[in-house]
Amino acid sequence: MSEEHPDTEAVSAGTNPVGAVDASAEGGDIHVVDDDPAMRDSLTWLMRSRGLTALTWESGEAFLAGADHARPAAVVLDIRMAGLSGLDVLEELRRRNTVFVVIMLTGHGDVPLAVQSLKQGAADFIEKPFDPNELVDRLVVALAESRRRLGAARAAASVQERLQSLSTREREVMDLVLDGFLNKQIADRLGITMRTVEVHRARLFDKFAVRSAVELAQALARVR
């Protein structure tokens, strides 16, 4: 039976233990994907004990359909499940170019599969039985990494959008600026006046919100 909505365990600020981390407050989700109800309950309790909010899913299908893929997230993913396996879910996340960071949960004898999951993009794997505090610590790190990935993806998308806004001439000037040519040299190469180069250069810098060729190169490094 698949879930239409996740079981959400929210913890009020007043009940958080000292030093606990509220993942939702920092931005992002923690997902527990496991077809074993006892394991989901156990992990949910574990998250609550550390002041974390967890969304639980009883199948890979429900998780893929219901999770908010626009938000950063750390995922605890069981490797053996009915329906889509953990590796199947991992492959689908990779196909979607997700910013989610996945930790595989595996039982004894699944280590070769866990190693395979690392090759498919999982950040880590933990064997059952596991140290509860170690798992939570790894999830907190994974969530921070997911937030970093999302920030980098947004920055790269912004640079791509700015590149597409350039005219053909602005693109030519940009390439020569990045190659280190001076305005007069660019004018000679393109057969235009130095004043025209200056205008294109100013527009180029304005579109990228930079003040120098160095800053322009740093911005473009996000997509090159």
C-alpha atoms as a PDB file:
ATOM      1  CA  MET A   1       0.000   0.000   0.000  1.00  0.00           C
ATOM      2  CA  SER A   2       1.468   3.371  -0.943  1.00  0.00           C
ATOM      3  CA  GLU A   3       1.147   6.572   1.048  1.00  0.00           C
ATOM      4  CA  GLU A   4      -0.451   9.672  -0.391  1.00  0.00           C
ATOM      5  CA  HIS A   5       1.253  11.855   2.181  1.00  0.00           C
ATOM      6  CA  PRO A   6       4.264  11.397   4.425  1.00  0.00           C
ATOM      7  CA  ASP A   7       3.993  10.793   8.131  1.00  0.00           C
ATOM      8  CA  THR A   8       5.353  14.030   9.473  1.00  0.00           C
ATOM      9  CA  GLU A   9       6.808  14.270  12.940  1.00  0.00           C
ATOM     10  CA  ALA A  10       7.192  17.890  13.926  1.00  0.00           C
ATOM     11  CA  VAL A  11       8.866  18.969  17.116  1.00  0.00           C
ATOM     12  CA  SER A  12       7.947  22.261  18.695  1.00  0.00           C
ATOM     13  CA  ALA A  13      10.750  24.632  19.620  1.00  0.00           C
ATOM     14  CA  GLY A  14       9.849  24.369  23.262  1.00  0.00           C
ATOM     15  CA  THR A  15      10.538  20.638  23.417  1.00  0.00           C
ATOM     16  CA  ASN A  16      13.829  20.655  21.530  1.00  0.00           C
ATOM     17  CA  PRO A  17      16.711  19.392  23.661  1.00  0.00           C
ATOM     18  CA  VAL A  18      19.598  21.730  24.279  1.00  0.00           C
ATOM     19  CA  GLY A  19      21.945  21.818  21.300  1.00  0.00           C
ATOM     20  CA  ALA A  20      19.442  20.198  18.972  1.00  0.00           C
ATOM     21  CA  VAL A  21      19.308  21.146  15.316  1.00  0.00           C
ATOM     22  CA  ASP A  22      16.006  22.023  13.650  1.00  0.00           C
ATOM     23  CA  ALA A  23      16.624  21.061  10.032  1.00  0.00           C
ATOM     24  CA  SER A  24      13.488  22.755   8.779  1.00  0.00           C
ATOM     25  CA  ALA A  25      14.491  26.062  10.385  1.00  0.00           C
ATOM     26  CA  GLU A  26      17.819  25.993   8.525  1.00  0.00           C
ATOM     27  CA  GLY A  27      16.085  25.052   5.268  1.00  0.00           C
ATOM     28  CA  GLY A  28      15.630  21.550   3.992  1.00  0.00           C
ATOM     29  CA  ASP A  29      14.101  18.188   4.796  1.00  0.00           C
ATOM     30  CA  ILE A  30      15.171  14.837   6.175  1.00  0.00           C
ATOM     31  CA  HIS A  31      13.470  11.895   4.491  1.00  0.00           C
ATOM     32  CA  VAL A  32      13.309   8.350   5.826  1.00  0.00           C
ATOM     33  CA  VAL A  33      12.451   5.851   3.068  1.00  0.00           C
ATOM     34  CA  ASP A  34      11.909   2.320   4.400  1.00  0.00           C
ATOM     35  CA  ASP A  35       9.166  -0.283   3.924  1.00  0.00           C
ATOM     36  CA  ASP A  36       9.605  -1.540   7.493  1.00  0.00           C
ATOM     37  CA  PRO A  37       7.135   0.326   9.786  1.00  0.00           C
ATOM     38  CA  ALA A  38       9.191  -0.497  12.873  1.00  0.00           C
ATOM     39  CA  MET A  39      12.314   1.003  11.315  1.00  0.00           C
ATOM     40  CA  ARG A  40      10.414   4.128  10.255  1.00  0.00           C
ATOM     41  CA  ASP A  41       9.047   4.558  13.781  1.00  0.00           C
ATOM     42  CA  SER A  42      12.484   3.994  15.271  1.00  0.00           C
ATOM     43  CA  LEU A  43      14.151   6.524  12.980  1.00  0.00           C
ATOM     44  CA  THR A  44      11.381   9.053  13.531  1.00  0.00           C
ATOM     45  CA  TRP A  45      11.838   8.748  17.288  1.00  0.00           C
ATOM     46  CA  LEU A  46      15.587   9.089  16.826  1.00  0.00           C
ATOM     47  CA  MET A  47      15.188  12.304  14.828  1.00  0.00           C
ATOM     48  CA  ARG A  48      12.815  13.731  17.423  1.00  0.00           C
ATOM     49  CA  SER A  49      15.287  12.960  20.181  1.00  0.00           C
ATOM     50  CA  ARG A  50      17.788  15.227  18.411  1.00  0.00           C
ATOM     51  CA  GLY A  51      15.257  17.954  17.611  1.00  0.00           C
ATOM     52  CA  LEU A  52      15.024  17.108  13.924  1.00  0.00           C
ATOM     53  CA  THR A  53      11.915  16.922  11.777  1.00  0.00           C
ATOM     54  CA  ALA A  54      11.602  13.801   9.620  1.00  0.00           C
ATOM     55  CA  LEU A  55       9.313  12.900   6.744  1.00  0.00           C
ATOM     56  CA  THR A  56       8.787   9.147   6.427  1.00  0.00           C
ATOM     57  CA  TRP A  57       7.825   7.150   3.328  1.00  0.00           C
ATOM     58  CA  GLU A  58       6.870   3.486   3.101  1.00  0.00           C
ATOM     59  CA  SER A  59       8.080   3.007  -0.478  1.00  0.00           C
ATOM     60  CA  GLY A  60      10.413   4.443  -3.062  1.00  0.00           C
ATOM     61  CA  GLU A  61       7.461   5.175  -5.313  1.00  0.00           C
ATOM     62  CA  ALA A  62       5.701   7.262  -2.630  1.00  0.00           C
ATOM     63  CA  PHE A  63       8.911   9.145  -1.868  1.00  0.00           C
ATOM     64  CA  LEU A  64       9.646  10.006  -5.493  1.00  0.00           C
ATOM     65  CA  ALA A  65       6.068  11.152  -6.054  1.00  0.00           C
ATOM     66  CA  GLY A  66       5.570  13.078  -2.828  1.00  0.00           C
ATOM     67  CA  ALA A  67       8.887  14.628  -1.819  1.00  0.00           C
ATOM     68  CA  ASP A  68       9.509  18.306  -2.566  1.00  0.00           C
ATOM     69  CA  HIS A  69      12.427  18.021  -4.964  1.00  0.00           C
ATOM     70  CA  ALA A  70      12.900  21.804  -5.057  1.00  0.00           C
ATOM     71  CA  ARG A  71      14.098  21.808  -1.439  1.00  0.00           C
ATOM     72  CA  PRO A  72      17.468  20.602  -0.147  1.00  0.00           C
ATOM     73  CA  ALA A  73      17.228  17.275   1.641  1.00  0.00           C
ATOM     74  CA  ALA A  74      19.122  14.466   3.308  1.00  0.00           C
ATOM     75  CA  VAL A  75      17.684  11.015   2.636  1.00  0.00           C
ATOM     76  CA  VAL A  76      17.989   7.772   4.606  1.00  0.00           C
ATOM     77  CA  LEU A  77      17.224   5.145   1.987  1.00  0.00           C
ATOM     78  CA  ASP A  78      16.794   1.451   2.701  1.00  0.00           C
ATOM     79  CA  ILE A  79      18.583  -0.606   0.094  1.00  0.00           C
ATOM     80  CA  ARG A  80      16.105  -3.521   0.097  1.00  0.00           C
ATOM     81  CA  MET A  81      12.449  -2.618  -0.305  1.00  0.00           C
ATOM     82  CA  ALA A  82       9.415  -4.088  -2.005  1.00  0.00           C
ATOM     83  CA  GLY A  83       8.690  -2.385  -5.321  1.00  0.00           C
ATOM     84  CA  LEU A  84      11.469   0.027  -6.240  1.00  0.00           C
ATOM     85  CA  SER A  85      14.683  -0.931  -4.476  1.00  0.00           C
ATOM     86  CA  GLY A  86      16.972   1.619  -2.882  1.00  0.00           C
ATOM     87  CA  LEU A  87      19.262   1.405  -5.901  1.00  0.00           C
ATOM     88  CA  ASP A  88      16.285   2.001  -8.231  1.00  0.00           C
ATOM     89  CA  VAL A  89      15.344   5.114  -6.266  1.00  0.00           C
ATOM     90  CA  LEU A  90      18.946   6.301  -6.258  1.00  0.00           C
ATOM     91  CA  GLU A  91      19.153   5.892 -10.023  1.00  0.00           C
ATOM     92  CA  GLU A  92      15.951   7.901 -10.507  1.00  0.00           C
ATOM     93  CA  LEU A  93      17.285  10.688  -8.284  1.00  0.00           C
ATOM     94  CA  ARG A  94      20.454  10.774 -10.342  1.00  0.00           C
ATOM     95  CA  ARG A  95      18.421  10.913 -13.552  1.00  0.00           C
ATOM     96  CA  ARG A  96      16.595  13.932 -12.127  1.00  0.00           C
ATOM     97  CA  ASN A  97      19.929  15.588 -11.300  1.00  0.00           C
ATOM     98  CA  THR A  98      18.762  16.035  -7.725  1.00  0.00           C
ATOM     99  CA  VAL A  99      20.443  18.068  -5.014  1.00  0.00           C
ATOM    100  CA  PHE A 100      19.360  15.463  -2.455  1.00  0.00           C
ATOM    101  CA  VAL A 101      22.178  13.799  -0.521  1.00  0.00           C
ATOM    102  CA  VAL A 102      21.489  10.106   0.084  1.00  0.00           C
ATOM    103  CA  ILE A 103      22.720   7.822   2.843  1.00  0.00           C
ATOM    104  CA  MET A 104      21.993   4.153   2.149  1.00  0.00           C
ATOM    105  CA  LEU A 105      20.848   1.952   5.009  1.00  0.00           C
ATOM    106  CA  THR A 106      21.821  -1.662   4.575  1.00  0.00           C
ATOM    107  CA  GLY A 107      21.621  -4.951   6.450  1.00  0.00           C
ATOM    108  CA  HIS A 108      24.329  -7.545   6.815  1.00  0.00           C
ATOM    109  CA  GLY A 109      25.278  -9.092   3.486  1.00  0.00           C
ATOM    110  CA  ASP A 110      24.329  -6.004   1.501  1.00  0.00           C
ATOM    111  CA  VAL A 111      27.771  -4.413   1.531  1.00  0.00           C
ATOM    112  CA  PRO A 112      28.470  -5.138  -2.172  1.00  0.00           C
ATOM    113  CA  LEU A 113      25.176  -3.435  -3.008  1.00  0.00           C
ATOM    114  CA  ALA A 114      26.109  -0.551  -0.734  1.00  0.00           C
ATOM    115  CA  VAL A 115      29.404  -0.141  -2.565  1.00  0.00           C
ATOM    116  CA  GLN A 116      27.484  -0.130  -5.817  1.00  0.00           C
ATOM    117  CA  SER A 117      25.242   2.595  -4.405  1.00  0.00           C
ATOM    118  CA  LEU A 118      28.300   4.773  -3.798  1.00  0.00           C
ATOM    119  CA  LYS A 119      29.204   4.376  -7.465  1.00  0.00           C
ATOM    120  CA  GLN A 120      25.662   5.486  -8.333  1.00  0.00           C
ATOM    121  CA  GLY A 121      25.977   8.680  -6.314  1.00  0.00           C
ATOM    122  CA  ALA A 122      25.107   7.851  -2.712  1.00  0.00           C
ATOM    123  CA  ALA A 123      27.117   9.944  -0.275  1.00  0.00           C
ATOM    124  CA  ASP A 124      27.485   7.225   2.337  1.00  0.00           C
ATOM    125  CA  PHE A 125      26.108   3.956   3.616  1.00  0.00           C
ATOM    126  CA  ILE A 126      25.439   2.704   7.122  1.00  0.00           C
ATOM    127  CA  GLU A 127      25.078  -0.914   8.164  1.00  0.00           C
ATOM    128  CA  LYS A 128      22.327  -2.173  10.491  1.00  0.00           C
ATOM    129  CA  PRO A 129      22.514  -2.171  13.441  1.00  0.00           C
ATOM    130  CA  PHE A 130      23.864   1.352  13.506  1.00  0.00           C
ATOM    131  CA  ASP A 131      24.959   3.939  16.028  1.00  0.00           C
ATOM    132  CA  PRO A 132      22.000   6.364  16.318  1.00  0.00           C
ATOM    133  CA  ASN A 133      24.085   9.434  17.042  1.00  0.00           C
ATOM    134  CA  GLU A 134      26.444   8.657  14.181  1.00  0.00           C
ATOM    135  CA  LEU A 135      23.524   8.418  11.765  1.00  0.00           C
ATOM    136  CA  VAL A 136      22.054  11.740  12.867  1.00  0.00           C
ATOM    137  CA  ASP A 137      25.447  13.436  12.702  1.00  0.00           C
ATOM    138  CA  ARG A 138      25.906  12.191   9.136  1.00  0.00           C
ATOM    139  CA  LEU A 139      22.418  13.388   8.206  1.00  0.00           C
ATOM    140  CA  VAL A 140      23.131  16.891   9.493  1.00  0.00           C
ATOM    141  CA  VAL A 141      26.306  16.994   7.387  1.00  0.00           C
ATOM    142  CA  ALA A 142      24.392  15.596   4.388  1.00  0.00           C
ATOM    143  CA  LEU A 143      21.721  18.268   4.706  1.00  0.00           C
ATOM    144  CA  ALA A 144      24.345  21.014   4.757  1.00  0.00           C
ATOM    145  CA  GLU A 145      25.892  19.521   1.610  1.00  0.00           C
ATOM    146  CA  SER A 146      22.474  19.454  -0.078  1.00  0.00           C
ATOM    147  CA  ARG A 147      21.979  23.135   0.709  1.00  0.00           C
ATOM    148  CA  ARG A 148      25.402  23.853  -0.797  1.00  0.00           C
ATOM    149  CA  ARG A 149      24.492  21.893  -3.935  1.00  0.00           C
ATOM    150  CA  LEU A 150      21.239  23.817  -4.322  1.00  0.00           C
ATOM    151  CA  GLY A 151      23.042  27.138  -3.957  1.00  0.00           C
ATOM    152  CA  ALA A 152      25.602  26.130  -6.570  1.00  0.00           C
ATOM    153  CA  ALA A 153      22.890  24.925  -8.951  1.00  0.00           C
ATOM    154  CA  ARG A 154      20.993  28.199  -8.635  1.00  0.00           C
ATOM    155  CA  ALA A 155      24.161  30.227  -9.197  1.00  0.00           C
ATOM    156  CA  ALA A 156      24.995  28.188 -12.299  1.00  0.00           C
ATOM    157  CA  ALA A 157      21.465  28.640 -13.659  1.00  0.00           C
ATOM    158  CA  SER A 158      21.744  32.398 -13.115  1.00  0.00           C
ATOM    159  CA  VAL A 159      25.029  32.522 -15.044  1.00  0.00           C
ATOM    160  CA  GLN A 160      23.517  30.493 -17.904  1.00  0.00           C
ATOM    161  CA  GLU A 161      20.587  32.903 -18.064  1.00  0.00           C
ATOM    162  CA  ARG A 162      22.942  35.876 -18.258  1.00  0.00           C
ATOM    163  CA  LEU A 163      24.986  34.185 -20.993  1.00  0.00           C
ATOM    164  CA  GLN A 164      21.865  33.666 -23.062  1.00  0.00           C
ATOM    165  CA  SER A 165      21.020  37.367 -22.724  1.00  0.00           C
ATOM    166  CA  LEU A 166      24.259  38.407 -24.481  1.00  0.00           C
ATOM    167  CA  SER A 167      24.230  39.615 -28.070  1.00  0.00           C
ATOM    168  CA  THR A 168      26.606  37.983 -30.543  1.00  0.00           C
ATOM    169  CA  ARG A 169      28.948  40.988 -30.343  1.00  0.00           C
ATOM    170  CA  GLU A 170      28.888  41.048 -26.539  1.00  0.00           C
ATOM    171  CA  ARG A 171      29.787  37.356 -26.576  1.00  0.00           C
ATOM    172  CA  GLU A 172      32.729  38.035 -28.892  1.00  0.00           C
ATOM    173  CA  VAL A 173      33.949  40.856 -26.668  1.00  0.00           C
ATOM    174  CA  MET A 174      33.539  38.674 -23.595  1.00  0.00           C
ATOM    175  CA  ASP A 175      35.657  35.876 -25.062  1.00  0.00           C
ATOM    176  CA  LEU A 176      38.459  38.293 -25.920  1.00  0.00           C
ATOM    177  CA  VAL A 177      38.262  40.007 -22.504  1.00  0.00           C
ATOM    178  CA  LEU A 178      38.617  36.614 -20.855  1.00  0.00           C
ATOM    179  CA  ASP A 179      41.621  35.869 -23.091  1.00  0.00           C
ATOM    180  CA  GLY A 180      43.291  38.972 -21.643  1.00  0.00           C
ATOM    181  CA  PHE A 181      43.109  41.309 -24.615  1.00  0.00           C
ATOM    182  CA  LEU A 182      42.961  45.073 -24.062  1.00  0.00           C
ATOM    183  CA  ASN A 183      40.169  47.216 -25.505  1.00  0.00           C
ATOM    184  CA  LYS A 184      42.305  48.484 -28.391  1.00  0.00           C
ATOM    185  CA  GLN A 185      43.408  44.960 -29.275  1.00  0.00           C
ATOM    186  CA  ILE A 186      39.787  43.768 -29.176  1.00  0.00           C
ATOM    187  CA  ALA A 187      38.750  46.667 -31.432  1.00  0.00           C
ATOM    188  CA  ASP A 188      41.446  45.759 -33.961  1.00  0.00           C
ATOM    189  CA  ARG A 189      40.474  42.065 -33.942  1.00  0.00           C
ATOM    190  CA  LEU A 190      36.769  42.721 -34.373  1.00  0.00           C
ATOM    191  CA  GLY A 191      37.167  45.678 -36.761  1.00  0.00           C
ATOM    192  CA  ILE A 192      35.201  48.089 -34.574  1.00  0.00           C
ATOM    193  CA  THR A 193      36.079  51.271 -32.700  1.00  0.00           C
ATOM    194  CA  MET A 194      37.529  51.202 -29.220  1.00  0.00           C
ATOM    195  CA  ARG A 195      34.542  53.236 -28.017  1.00  0.00           C
ATOM    196  CA  THR A 196      32.208  50.488 -29.281  1.00  0.00           C
ATOM    197  CA  VAL A 197      34.266  47.902 -27.412  1.00  0.00           C
ATOM    198  CA  GLU A 198      33.982  49.999 -24.253  1.00  0.00           C
ATOM    199  CA  VAL A 199      30.195  50.140 -24.612  1.00  0.00           C
ATOM    200  CA  HIS A 200      29.908  46.367 -25.128  1.00  0.00           C
ATOM    201  CA  ARG A 201      32.277  45.729 -22.255  1.00  0.00           C
ATOM    202  CA  ALA A 202      30.255  47.970 -19.932  1.00  0.00           C
ATOM    203  CA  ARG A 203      27.000  46.240 -20.905  1.00  0.00           C
ATOM    204  CA  LEU A 204      28.648  42.855 -20.434  1.00  0.00           C
ATOM    205  CA  PHE A 205      29.857  43.706 -16.945  1.00  0.00           C
ATOM    206  CA  ASP A 206      26.462  45.195 -16.094  1.00  0.00           C
ATOM    207  CA  LYS A 207      24.630  42.000 -17.126  1.00  0.00           C
ATOM    208  CA  PHE A 208      26.887  39.887 -14.931  1.00  0.00           C
ATOM    209  CA  ALA A 209      26.942  42.465 -12.109  1.00  0.00           C
ATOM    210  CA  VAL A 210      30.760  42.420 -12.039  1.00  0.00           C
ATOM    211  CA  ARG A 211      33.355  45.186 -12.008  1.00  0.00           C
ATOM    212  CA  SER A 212      36.360  43.494 -13.596  1.00  0.00           C
ATOM    213  CA  ALA A 213      37.479  40.746 -15.957  1.00  0.00           C
ATOM    214  CA  VAL A 214      38.622  38.750 -12.938  1.00  0.00           C
ATOM    215  CA  GLU A 215      35.157  38.853 -11.371  1.00  0.00           C
ATOM    216  CA  LEU A 216      33.649  37.910 -14.741  1.00  0.00           C
ATOM    217  CA  ALA A 217      35.947  34.891 -15.006  1.00  0.00           C
ATOM    218  CA  GLN A 218      35.025  33.845 -11.463  1.00  0.00           C
ATOM    219  CA  ALA A 219      31.314  34.034 -12.286  1.00  0.00           C
ATOM    220  CA  LEU A 220      31.724  31.991 -15.462  1.00  0.00           C
ATOM    221  CA  ALA A 221      33.777  29.365 -13.636  1.00  0.00           C
ATOM    222  CA  ARG A 222      30.471  28.133 -12.172  1.00  0.00           C
ATOM    223  CA  VAL A 223      29.400  26.806 -15.563  1.00  0.00           C
ATOM    224  CA  ARG A 224      32.700  26.034 -17.289  1.00  0.00           C
END
